[in-house]
Protein backbone atom coordinates (compact mmCIF):
# COMPACT_ATOMS: atom_id res chain seq x y z
CA MET A 1 -16.63 -4.96 9.39
CA ALA A 2 -15.42 -5.30 5.82
CA ILE A 3 -12.83 -2.89 4.55
CA GLU A 4 -13.96 -1.12 1.40
CA ARG A 5 -11.60 -0.83 -1.54
CA GLU A 6 -12.50 2.85 -1.91
CA GLN A 7 -11.21 3.56 1.60
CA VAL A 8 -7.93 1.83 0.80
CA GLU A 9 -7.55 3.59 -2.57
CA LYS A 10 -8.11 6.95 -0.90
CA ALA A 11 -5.45 6.16 1.70
CA LEU A 12 -3.03 4.95 -1.01
CA GLU A 13 -3.35 8.32 -2.74
CA LYS A 14 -1.57 9.84 0.26
CA THR A 15 1.51 7.71 -0.49
CA ARG A 16 1.58 8.12 -4.26
CA SER A 17 3.23 11.55 -4.39
CA VAL A 18 6.26 10.19 -2.51
CA LEU A 19 6.43 7.05 -4.63
CA ARG A 20 5.99 8.93 -7.91
CA GLY A 21 8.70 11.36 -6.87
CA ASP A 22 11.10 8.41 -7.02
CA GLY A 23 9.69 7.04 -10.28
CA GLY A 24 7.41 4.43 -8.74
CA ASP A 25 3.79 3.79 -7.87
CA VAL A 26 1.55 1.36 -5.99
CA GLU A 27 -1.41 -0.66 -7.25
CA LEU A 28 -4.12 -2.10 -5.02
CA VAL A 29 -4.48 -5.80 -5.83
CA ASP A 30 -6.88 -7.08 -3.15
CA VAL A 31 -8.34 -6.50 0.29
CA THR A 32 -8.95 -9.79 2.07
CA GLY A 33 -11.76 -10.48 4.50
CA ASP A 34 -9.28 -10.75 7.37
CA GLY A 35 -7.89 -7.22 6.95
CA VAL A 36 -4.86 -7.86 4.76
CA VAL A 37 -4.22 -5.42 1.93
CA GLN A 38 -2.27 -6.76 -1.03
CA VAL A 39 -0.43 -4.26 -3.20
CA ARG A 40 1.95 -4.34 -6.14
CA LEU A 41 4.82 -1.87 -6.25
CA LYS A 42 5.36 -0.58 -9.76
CA GLY A 43 7.99 1.32 -11.69
CA ALA A 44 11.21 2.07 -9.85
CA CYS A 45 9.67 0.82 -6.58
CA GLY A 46 9.08 -2.65 -8.00
CA GLY A 47 12.74 -3.57 -8.19
CA CYS A 48 14.16 -1.31 -5.52
CA PRO A 49 16.22 -2.92 -2.75
CA MET A 50 14.42 -0.63 -0.28
CA ALA A 51 10.95 -1.81 -1.38
CA THR A 52 10.28 -3.72 1.85
CA MET A 53 11.11 -0.69 3.95
CA THR A 54 8.91 1.52 1.73
CA LEU A 55 6.10 -0.99 2.05
CA LYS A 56 6.24 -1.12 5.85
CA SER A 57 7.40 2.35 6.88
CA LEU A 58 5.36 4.35 4.38
CA ILE A 59 2.50 2.43 2.80
CA GLU A 60 1.49 0.21 5.74
CA ARG A 61 1.88 3.01 8.27
CA VAL A 62 -0.33 5.40 6.26
CA LEU A 63 -2.95 2.76 5.47
CA LYS A 64 -3.26 1.64 9.09
CA LYS A 65 -3.59 5.24 10.23
CA GLU A 66 -6.31 6.00 7.68
CA VAL A 67 -8.12 2.64 7.92
CA PRO A 68 -7.52 1.17 11.41
CA GLU A 69 -9.24 -2.11 10.49
CA ILE A 70 -6.26 -3.02 8.28
CA LYS A 71 -4.12 -5.70 9.93
CA SER A 72 -1.20 -5.73 7.49
CA VAL A 73 -0.03 -4.83 3.99
CA GLN A 74 1.62 -7.42 1.77
CA GLN A 75 3.45 -7.04 -1.50
CA VAL A 76 2.48 -9.35 -4.33
CA LEU A 77 4.31 -9.75 -7.61
């Protein structure tokens, strides 16, 4: 079953308040056919040394909970 971008965008909204609170944001770049979501961290999150942890412990965790078909979340530049 294909993952719809709208589902992913809706799930990303649940992470944005935390990211924006620290001066950052997240942009959905692509959803691949094999369940990989590609995102771009923006603002303060883009250059933060903790970006990988934010990506895995916040964004990926929330997305997988909301859209179980997602296999992983990757950051793209």
